[in-house]
Amino acid sequence: MARRALTILKQLRVPCASDPSHPLLGLGTARTVTYMPRPGDGAPPAPGDGAPRAVTLIPGEGIGPLVTGAVEQVMKAMNAPVYFERYEVHGDMKSVPAEVLESIRKNKVCLKGGIRTPVGGGVSSLNVQLRKELDLFASLVNCFNLPGLPTRHENVDIVVIRENTEGEYAGLEHEVVPGVVESLKVITKFCSERIAKYAFEYAYLNNRKKVTAVHKANIMKLADGLFLESCREVAGKYPSIEYNEIIVDNCCMQLVSKPEQFDVMVTPNLYGNLVANTAAGIAGGTGVMPGGNVGADHAVFEQGASAGNVGKEKMVEQKTANPIALLLSSAMMLKHLQFPSFADRLETAVKHVISEGRYRTKDLGGDSTTQEVVDAIIAKLD
């Protein structure tokens, strides 16, 4: 058994141990909610040089083409300095096509719609493959109240930063004997330290006050214990930022009862998925929460929290998918590309439309189509 586990562990691609730790150069100016820094990004985003940037576009499946199409329309209306290289990727493919990975490596940035992940059957997730191939080690989801959108809780502004490459998502499973499956959860100090560094850098650069580590170290004493140890070591280098820890089950209860207590949350892989979706539901729903996945060299921007509606045929037929989340994610992308003025225009237009409440899709209590929301946002562009 031990030899078998060791063999499987060797399949896990751990990045090179030369962890590129970039010193913070200064606090810079305050960022808006959708700013997503590169790892080690210590300076405010400078204006781009104006030259159009190529972005890899994966429309995805289900509502994916609808919402990515919305982004394309708004980018064109703004005359944003980006153009898209489109590639089709579907969940029934065995792997992400090589030409797609090559495009993202060349362009450094990708905008992606949802891709189905088959349940069971031994078919691996292309979403996870993409993150591992490009070493997109940090997932960031910003869950916040939008003015004019009623929710159960107010003053919610939570950033969930999730380790994206290991843990339960390592995919290291095998059947020991018929009816007995062993699934390995892998936690490494290298990956735990770099996600903690990213979380504290994010908090520092965005004037955030607190970082909370989410764990289950009372049960998984070695694995989650190593994650906590790494977070504590990094926290010691940021004395101006409050640091605390919370067990994941208590975290979920606190999220639904008093979410305003949380600021930045840093988590291992699986917990982050659960926490981000819970926080999104509290703050207005998955249809309005932006997010992205970032590594040292590449970034993929997509809807922040799993919508669970990639395969909803009725929504696709009626063209009523909510484009807000991906539009805000594309604002993140524009800041990442160092076009902050275009990002601010887009964010402002989206917030005006949500605040007015005239054009909203069904998940936000309205009856508008995707196109009606897009037209309203374009009309609000300054």
Protein backbone atom coordinates (compact mmCIF):
# COMPACT_ATOMS: atom_id res chain seq x y z
CA MET A 1 0.00 0.00 0.00
CA ALA A 2 2.77 2.45 0.94
CA ARG A 3 4.66 1.76 -2.31
CA ARG A 4 1.45 2.27 -4.29
CA ALA A 5 0.78 5.61 -2.59
CA LEU A 6 4.36 6.74 -3.27
CA THR A 7 4.01 5.87 -6.96
CA ILE A 8 0.83 7.91 -7.21
CA LEU A 9 2.38 10.84 -5.37
CA LYS A 10 5.12 11.00 -7.98
CA GLN A 11 2.43 11.73 -10.57
CA LEU A 12 1.69 15.03 -8.87
CA ARG A 13 3.50 17.80 -10.70
CA VAL A 14 4.92 20.07 -8.01
CA PRO A 15 6.31 23.36 -9.36
CA CYS A 16 10.00 24.00 -9.14
CA ALA A 17 11.17 24.84 -5.67
CA SER A 18 12.53 28.23 -6.73
CA ASP A 19 9.48 30.06 -5.43
CA PRO A 20 9.53 33.55 -7.05
CA SER A 21 8.84 35.72 -4.00
CA HIS A 22 8.52 39.30 -5.16
CA PRO A 23 9.01 42.04 -2.54
CA LEU A 24 6.17 44.52 -2.22
CA LEU A 25 7.26 47.85 -3.59
CA GLY A 26 4.61 49.94 -1.88
CA LEU A 27 0.95 50.20 -1.06
CA GLY A 28 0.06 52.38 -4.02
CA THR A 29 -3.46 53.61 -4.60
CA ALA A 30 -6.61 51.88 -3.39
CA ARG A 31 -8.10 49.42 -5.86
CA THR A 32 -11.68 48.83 -6.80
CA VAL A 33 -13.27 45.54 -5.88
CA THR A 34 -12.35 43.70 -9.06
CA TYR A 35 -8.61 44.28 -9.05
CA MET A 36 -6.70 40.99 -9.16
CA PRO A 37 -2.94 41.41 -8.81
CA ARG A 38 -0.35 39.18 -10.37
CA PRO A 39 1.70 37.19 -7.86
CA GLY A 40 4.25 39.55 -6.37
CA ASP A 41 2.64 42.61 -7.92
CA GLY A 42 3.88 45.42 -5.74
CA ALA A 43 3.00 48.51 -7.76
CA PRO A 44 -0.30 50.05 -8.93
CA PRO A 45 -1.34 49.02 -12.45
CA ALA A 46 0.14 51.46 -14.93
CA PRO A 47 -1.84 52.50 -18.00
CA GLY A 48 -1.29 50.20 -20.96
CA ASP A 49 0.64 51.44 -23.95
CA GLY A 50 -2.58 51.50 -26.01
CA ALA A 51 -1.59 48.61 -28.26
CA PRO A 52 -4.41 46.05 -28.55
CA ARG A 53 -3.79 42.86 -26.61
CA ALA A 54 -4.70 39.38 -27.81
CA VAL A 55 -6.84 37.39 -25.37
CA THR A 56 -7.63 33.70 -25.74
CA LEU A 57 -11.41 33.18 -25.67
CA ILE A 58 -13.03 29.89 -24.71
CA PRO A 59 -16.82 30.37 -25.07
CA GLY A 60 -17.49 27.07 -23.32
CA GLU A 61 -20.84 25.29 -23.21
CA GLY A 62 -24.41 25.93 -22.13
CA ILE A 63 -24.69 29.60 -21.18
CA GLY A 64 -20.99 30.12 -21.89
CA PRO A 65 -21.37 31.39 -25.48
CA LEU A 66 -24.16 33.75 -24.33
CA VAL A 67 -22.17 35.44 -21.59
CA THR A 68 -18.85 35.51 -23.47
CA GLY A 69 -20.76 36.99 -26.40
CA ALA A 70 -22.01 39.70 -24.03
CA VAL A 71 -18.41 40.53 -23.10
CA GLU A 72 -17.42 40.73 -26.76
CA GLN A 73 -20.24 43.20 -27.47
CA VAL A 74 -19.36 45.45 -24.54
CA MET A 75 -15.63 45.40 -25.36
CA LYS A 76 -16.45 46.44 -28.93
CA ALA A 77 -18.77 49.21 -27.75
CA MET A 78 -16.01 50.58 -25.48
CA ASN A 79 -13.35 50.26 -28.18
CA ALA A 80 -11.35 48.38 -25.56
CA PRO A 81 -7.79 47.61 -26.72
CA VAL A 82 -8.28 43.83 -26.76
CA TYR A 83 -9.12 41.29 -29.44
CA PHE A 84 -10.06 37.66 -29.01
CA GLU A 85 -8.64 34.42 -30.37
CA ARG A 86 -11.53 31.95 -30.14
CA TYR A 87 -11.18 28.23 -29.40
CA GLU A 88 -13.87 25.63 -28.79
CA VAL A 89 -13.41 23.41 -25.75
CA HIS A 90 -16.07 20.97 -24.54
CA GLY A 91 -16.32 18.83 -21.42
CA ASP A 92 -16.44 15.55 -23.35
CA MET A 93 -12.93 16.10 -24.73
CA LYS A 94 -10.24 13.88 -23.21
CA SER A 95 -7.91 16.82 -22.67
CA VAL A 96 -7.53 20.51 -23.36
CA PRO A 97 -6.35 20.81 -27.00
CA ALA A 98 -2.67 21.67 -27.36
CA GLU A 99 -3.43 24.69 -29.57
CA VAL A 100 -5.55 26.19 -26.78
CA LEU A 101 -2.76 25.88 -24.23
CA GLU A 102 -0.31 27.29 -26.77
CA SER A 103 -2.58 30.31 -27.34
CA ILE A 104 -2.90 31.02 -23.60
CA ARG A 105 0.84 30.66 -23.09
CA LYS A 106 1.41 33.13 -25.92
CA ASN A 107 -1.26 35.66 -24.90
CA LYS A 108 -0.83 35.18 -21.12
CA VAL A 109 -4.55 35.91 -20.60
CA CYS A 110 -7.74 33.95 -21.27
CA LEU A 111 -11.46 34.64 -20.86
CA LYS A 112 -13.50 31.47 -20.38
CA GLY A 113 -17.14 30.44 -20.25
CA GLY A 114 -18.32 27.40 -18.34
CA ILE A 115 -17.21 23.90 -19.37
CA ARG A 116 -19.17 20.84 -18.26
CA THR A 117 -17.43 18.38 -15.97
CA PRO A 118 -18.92 14.87 -16.27
CA VAL A 119 -19.95 13.34 -12.94
CA GLY A 120 -18.22 10.02 -12.29
CA GLY A 121 -17.04 7.74 -15.06
CA GLY A 122 -13.36 8.48 -14.58
CA VAL A 123 -13.40 11.50 -16.95
CA SER A 124 -11.19 14.26 -15.60
CA SER A 125 -12.25 17.90 -15.42
CA LEU A 126 -10.89 20.10 -18.20
CA ASN A 127 -11.20 23.08 -15.84
CA VAL A 128 -8.80 21.40 -13.41
CA GLN A 129 -6.52 20.32 -16.28
CA LEU A 130 -6.26 23.92 -17.45
CA ARG A 131 -5.29 25.16 -14.00
CA LYS A 132 -2.66 22.47 -13.56
CA GLU A 133 -1.12 22.80 -17.04
CA LEU A 134 -0.72 26.57 -16.62
CA ASP A 135 0.03 26.41 -12.87
CA LEU A 136 -2.83 28.80 -12.07
CA PHE A 137 -2.29 28.32 -8.37
CA ALA A 138 -4.56 31.08 -7.04
CA SER A 139 -8.33 31.23 -7.51
CA LEU A 140 -9.90 34.52 -6.48
CA VAL A 141 -13.63 35.14 -6.06
CA ASN A 142 -14.92 38.51 -4.87
CA CYS A 143 -18.32 38.27 -3.16
CA PHE A 144 -19.79 41.70 -2.41
CA ASN A 145 -23.10 43.55 -2.21
CA LEU A 146 -24.02 45.50 -5.33
CA PRO A 147 -25.89 48.76 -4.64
CA GLY A 148 -29.58 48.36 -5.39
CA LEU A 149 -29.58 44.56 -5.27
CA PRO A 150 -31.45 43.39 -2.14
CA THR A 151 -29.85 40.56 -0.16
CA ARG A 152 -30.32 39.04 3.29
CA HIS A 153 -27.06 40.57 4.54
CA GLU A 154 -25.50 44.00 4.06
CA ASN A 155 -21.86 45.12 4.19
CA VAL A 156 -20.64 41.89 2.60
CA ASP A 157 -17.30 42.26 0.81
CA ILE A 158 -15.45 38.95 0.99
CA VAL A 159 -12.50 37.85 -1.14
CA VAL A 160 -11.99 34.08 -1.20
CA ILE A 161 -8.48 33.09 -2.28
CA ARG A 162 -8.21 29.36 -2.87
CA GLU A 163 -5.23 27.12 -3.53
CA ASN A 164 -5.92 25.78 -6.99
CA THR A 165 -3.52 22.94 -7.82
CA GLU A 166 -3.45 20.28 -5.12
CA GLY A 167 -5.49 19.01 -2.17
CA GLU A 168 -8.44 16.79 -3.07
CA TYR A 169 -8.28 18.09 -6.65
CA ALA A 170 -4.95 16.36 -7.25
CA GLY A 171 -7.00 13.55 -8.80
CA LEU A 172 -4.90 10.83 -7.18
CA GLU A 173 -7.42 8.00 -6.81
CA HIS A 174 -7.28 4.27 -7.31
CA GLU A 175 -9.30 1.21 -6.40
CA VAL A 176 -7.38 -0.82 -3.82
CA VAL A 177 -9.69 -3.83 -4.09
CA PRO A 178 -13.18 -4.01 -5.62
CA GLY A 179 -15.46 -1.74 -3.60
CA VAL A 180 -12.62 0.14 -1.85
CA VAL A 181 -11.28 3.39 -3.34
CA GLU A 182 -8.35 5.33 -1.96
CA SER A 183 -8.33 9.07 -2.71
CA LEU A 184 -5.23 11.01 -1.69
CA LYS A 185 -5.35 14.58 -0.41
CA VAL A 186 -1.95 16.15 -1.05
CA ILE A 187 -0.84 19.29 0.78
CA THR A 188 2.68 20.68 0.28
CA LYS A 189 4.50 23.45 2.09
CA PHE A 190 5.49 25.05 -1.21
CA CYS A 191 1.91 25.43 -2.45
CA SER A 192 0.58 26.40 0.98
CA GLU A 193 3.18 29.14 1.37
CA ARG A 194 2.67 30.64 -2.06
CA ILE A 195 -1.13 30.82 -1.72
CA ALA A 196 -0.71 32.42 1.70
CA LYS A 197 1.75 34.94 0.23
CA TYR A 198 -0.71 35.77 -2.54
CA ALA A 199 -3.55 36.27 -0.03
CA PHE A 200 -1.50 38.62 2.13
CA GLU A 201 -0.18 40.50 -0.90
CA TYR A 202 -3.75 40.95 -2.09
CA ALA A 203 -4.83 42.23 1.31
CA TYR A 204 -1.86 44.60 1.52
CA LEU A 205 -2.28 46.04 -1.97
CA ASN A 206 -6.04 46.51 -1.59
CA ASN A 207 -6.09 48.04 1.89
CA ARG A 208 -7.76 44.97 3.38
CA LYS A 209 -7.55 44.59 7.14
CA LYS A 210 -7.80 40.87 7.86
CA VAL A 211 -6.91 37.46 6.43
CA THR A 212 -8.71 34.35 7.70
CA ALA A 213 -7.30 30.87 7.08
CA VAL A 214 -9.98 28.17 6.67
CA HIS A 215 -9.02 24.64 7.72
CA LYS A 216 -9.95 21.30 9.31
CA ALA A 217 -6.72 20.79 11.21
CA ASN A 218 -8.56 19.44 14.24
CA ILE A 219 -9.15 16.26 12.17
CA MET A 220 -6.54 16.37 9.37
CA LYS A 221 -3.74 17.30 11.72
CA LEU A 222 -0.85 16.75 9.33
CA ALA A 223 -2.31 17.96 6.02
CA ASP A 224 -4.31 20.98 7.19
CA GLY A 225 -1.80 21.42 9.98
CA LEU A 226 0.89 22.05 7.36
CA PHE A 227 -1.39 24.53 5.60
CA LEU A 228 -1.93 26.45 8.85
CA GLU A 229 1.76 26.38 9.71
CA SER A 230 2.55 27.95 6.33
CA CYS A 231 -0.13 30.63 6.76
CA ARG A 232 1.18 31.53 10.22
CA GLU A 233 4.73 31.91 8.94
CA VAL A 234 3.60 34.24 6.15
CA ALA A 235 1.29 36.19 8.48
CA GLY A 236 4.28 37.05 10.64
CA LYS A 237 5.71 39.08 7.76
CA TYR A 238 2.59 41.28 7.55
CA PRO A 239 2.15 42.75 11.05
CA SER A 240 -0.28 45.43 9.84
CA ILE A 241 -2.82 42.79 8.73
CA GLU A 242 -4.91 40.93 11.30
CA TYR A 243 -4.72 37.16 10.97
CA ASN A 244 -7.07 34.53 12.35
CA GLU A 245 -8.12 30.94 11.70
CA ILE A 246 -11.47 29.18 11.52
CA ILE A 247 -12.54 25.54 11.15
CA VAL A 248 -14.40 25.05 7.88
CA ASP A 249 -17.70 23.81 9.36
CA ASN A 250 -17.86 26.75 11.76
CA CYS A 251 -16.86 28.98 8.84
CA CYS A 252 -19.94 27.92 6.86
CA MET A 253 -22.22 28.61 9.82
CA GLN A 254 -20.62 32.03 10.41
CA LEU A 255 -20.92 32.90 6.73
CA VAL A 256 -24.68 32.47 6.67
CA SER A 257 -25.22 34.19 10.03
CA LYS A 258 -22.65 37.02 10.15
CA PRO A 259 -20.74 37.28 6.84
CA GLU A 260 -19.65 40.88 7.41
CA GLN A 261 -16.99 39.63 9.85
CA PHE A 262 -14.92 38.21 6.97
CA ASP A 263 -12.55 40.15 4.74
CA VAL A 264 -9.95 38.06 2.85
CA MET A 265 -10.16 34.28 3.26
CA VAL A 266 -7.38 31.88 2.25
CA THR A 267 -8.23 28.21 1.87
CA PRO A 268 -7.02 24.84 0.60
CA ASN A 269 -8.60 23.68 -2.66
CA LEU A 270 -11.87 21.96 -1.77
CA TYR A 271 -12.85 24.25 1.10
CA GLY A 272 -12.40 27.29 -1.12
CA ASN A 273 -14.86 25.94 -3.65
CA LEU A 274 -17.51 25.49 -0.95
CA VAL A 275 -16.79 28.76 0.84
CA ALA A 276 -16.79 30.85 -2.35
CA ASN A 277 -20.14 29.50 -3.52
CA THR A 278 -21.68 30.00 -0.08
CA ALA A 279 -20.41 33.59 0.09
CA ALA A 280 -21.65 34.24 -3.45
CA GLY A 281 -25.13 33.06 -2.56
CA ILE A 282 -25.19 35.36 0.46
CA ALA A 283 -24.04 38.43 -1.48
CA GLY A 284 -26.44 38.23 -4.42
CA GLY A 285 -25.94 34.97 -6.26
CA THR A 286 -23.38 33.37 -8.53
CA GLY A 287 -24.59 35.43 -11.48
CA VAL A 288 -22.95 38.61 -10.21
CA MET A 289 -19.70 37.39 -8.63
CA PRO A 290 -16.47 37.94 -10.59
CA GLY A 291 -13.40 35.77 -10.36
CA GLY A 292 -10.32 34.41 -12.00
CA ASN A 293 -7.40 32.03 -11.73
CA VAL A 294 -3.87 33.39 -11.76
CA GLY A 295 -0.33 32.06 -11.78
CA ALA A 296 3.09 33.61 -12.13
CA ASP A 297 2.78 33.86 -15.92
CA HIS A 298 -0.84 33.31 -16.96
CA ALA A 299 -4.38 34.21 -15.92
CA VAL A 300 -7.80 32.80 -16.84
CA PHE A 301 -10.83 34.92 -16.01
CA GLU A 302 -14.28 33.37 -15.65
CA GLN A 303 -17.45 33.54 -13.61
CA GLY A 304 -16.31 33.60 -10.00
CA ALA A 305 -18.58 30.98 -8.45
CA SER A 306 -20.02 27.83 -10.01
CA ALA A 307 -23.40 28.72 -11.43
CA GLY A 308 -24.66 25.18 -11.78
CA ASN A 309 -26.47 26.33 -14.90
CA VAL A 310 -23.99 25.46 -17.64
CA GLY A 311 -26.34 22.72 -18.78
CA LYS A 312 -29.72 24.44 -18.27
CA GLU A 313 -31.20 24.15 -21.74
CA LYS A 314 -34.19 26.39 -20.96
CA MET A 315 -31.96 29.30 -20.01
CA VAL A 316 -29.97 28.82 -23.22
CA GLU A 317 -33.09 28.58 -25.40
CA GLN A 318 -34.68 31.67 -23.85
CA LYS A 319 -31.34 33.54 -23.83
CA THR A 320 -31.80 34.66 -20.22
CA ALA A 321 -28.35 33.93 -18.74
CA ASN A 322 -26.99 36.59 -16.43
CA PRO A 323 -23.88 38.22 -18.00
CA ILE A 324 -22.98 40.40 -14.99
CA ALA A 325 -20.46 38.03 -13.36
CA LEU A 326 -18.42 37.54 -16.51
CA LEU A 327 -18.58 41.25 -17.36
CA LEU A 328 -17.13 42.07 -13.94
CA SER A 329 -14.55 39.31 -14.46
CA SER A 330 -13.62 40.96 -17.75
CA ALA A 331 -13.11 44.20 -15.81
CA MET A 332 -10.66 42.25 -13.67
CA MET A 333 -9.00 41.14 -16.87
CA LEU A 334 -8.69 44.72 -18.15
CA LYS A 335 -6.99 45.80 -14.93
CA HIS A 336 -4.69 42.78 -15.16
CA LEU A 337 -3.80 43.90 -18.69
CA GLN A 338 -3.13 47.40 -17.29
CA PHE A 339 -6.08 49.14 -18.91
CA PRO A 340 -7.66 50.48 -15.68
CA SER A 341 -9.68 53.28 -17.29
CA PHE A 342 -11.57 50.82 -19.49
CA ALA A 343 -12.15 48.56 -16.49
CA ASP A 344 -13.56 51.45 -14.46
CA ARG A 345 -15.93 52.43 -17.28
CA LEU A 346 -17.23 48.89 -17.50
CA GLU A 347 -17.65 48.49 -13.73
CA THR A 348 -19.44 51.82 -13.42
CA ALA A 349 -21.87 50.97 -16.22
CA VAL A 350 -22.66 47.56 -14.70
CA LYS A 351 -23.28 49.07 -11.27
CA HIS A 352 -25.59 51.74 -12.72
CA VAL A 353 -27.74 49.13 -14.45
CA ILE A 354 -27.95 46.94 -11.34
CA SER A 355 -28.73 49.95 -9.13
CA GLU A 356 -31.54 51.19 -11.36
CA GLY A 357 -33.13 47.73 -11.34
CA ARG A 358 -34.93 48.10 -14.66
CA TYR A 359 -32.98 45.41 -16.50
CA ARG A 360 -32.31 42.26 -14.52
CA THR A 361 -32.34 38.58 -15.41
CA LYS A 362 -34.58 36.10 -13.61
CA ASP A 363 -31.99 35.12 -10.98
CA LEU A 364 -31.96 38.75 -9.82
CA GLY A 365 -35.74 39.04 -9.69
CA GLY A 366 -36.33 40.46 -13.18
CA ASP A 367 -37.44 39.12 -16.54
CA SER A 368 -34.83 40.59 -18.89
CA THR A 369 -32.94 38.66 -21.52
CA THR A 370 -29.17 38.56 -21.71
CA GLN A 371 -29.24 40.95 -24.66
CA GLU A 372 -31.46 43.47 -22.88
CA VAL A 373 -29.01 43.63 -19.98
CA VAL A 374 -26.10 44.02 -22.39
CA ASP A 375 -27.87 46.83 -24.29
CA ALA A 376 -28.58 48.64 -21.02
CA ILE A 377 -24.93 48.40 -19.96
CA ILE A 378 -23.72 49.67 -23.32
CA ALA A 379 -26.10 52.62 -23.03
CA LYS A 380 -24.52 53.52 -19.67
CA LEU A 381 -20.93 53.51 -20.91
CA ASP A 382 -19.40 56.97 -20.54
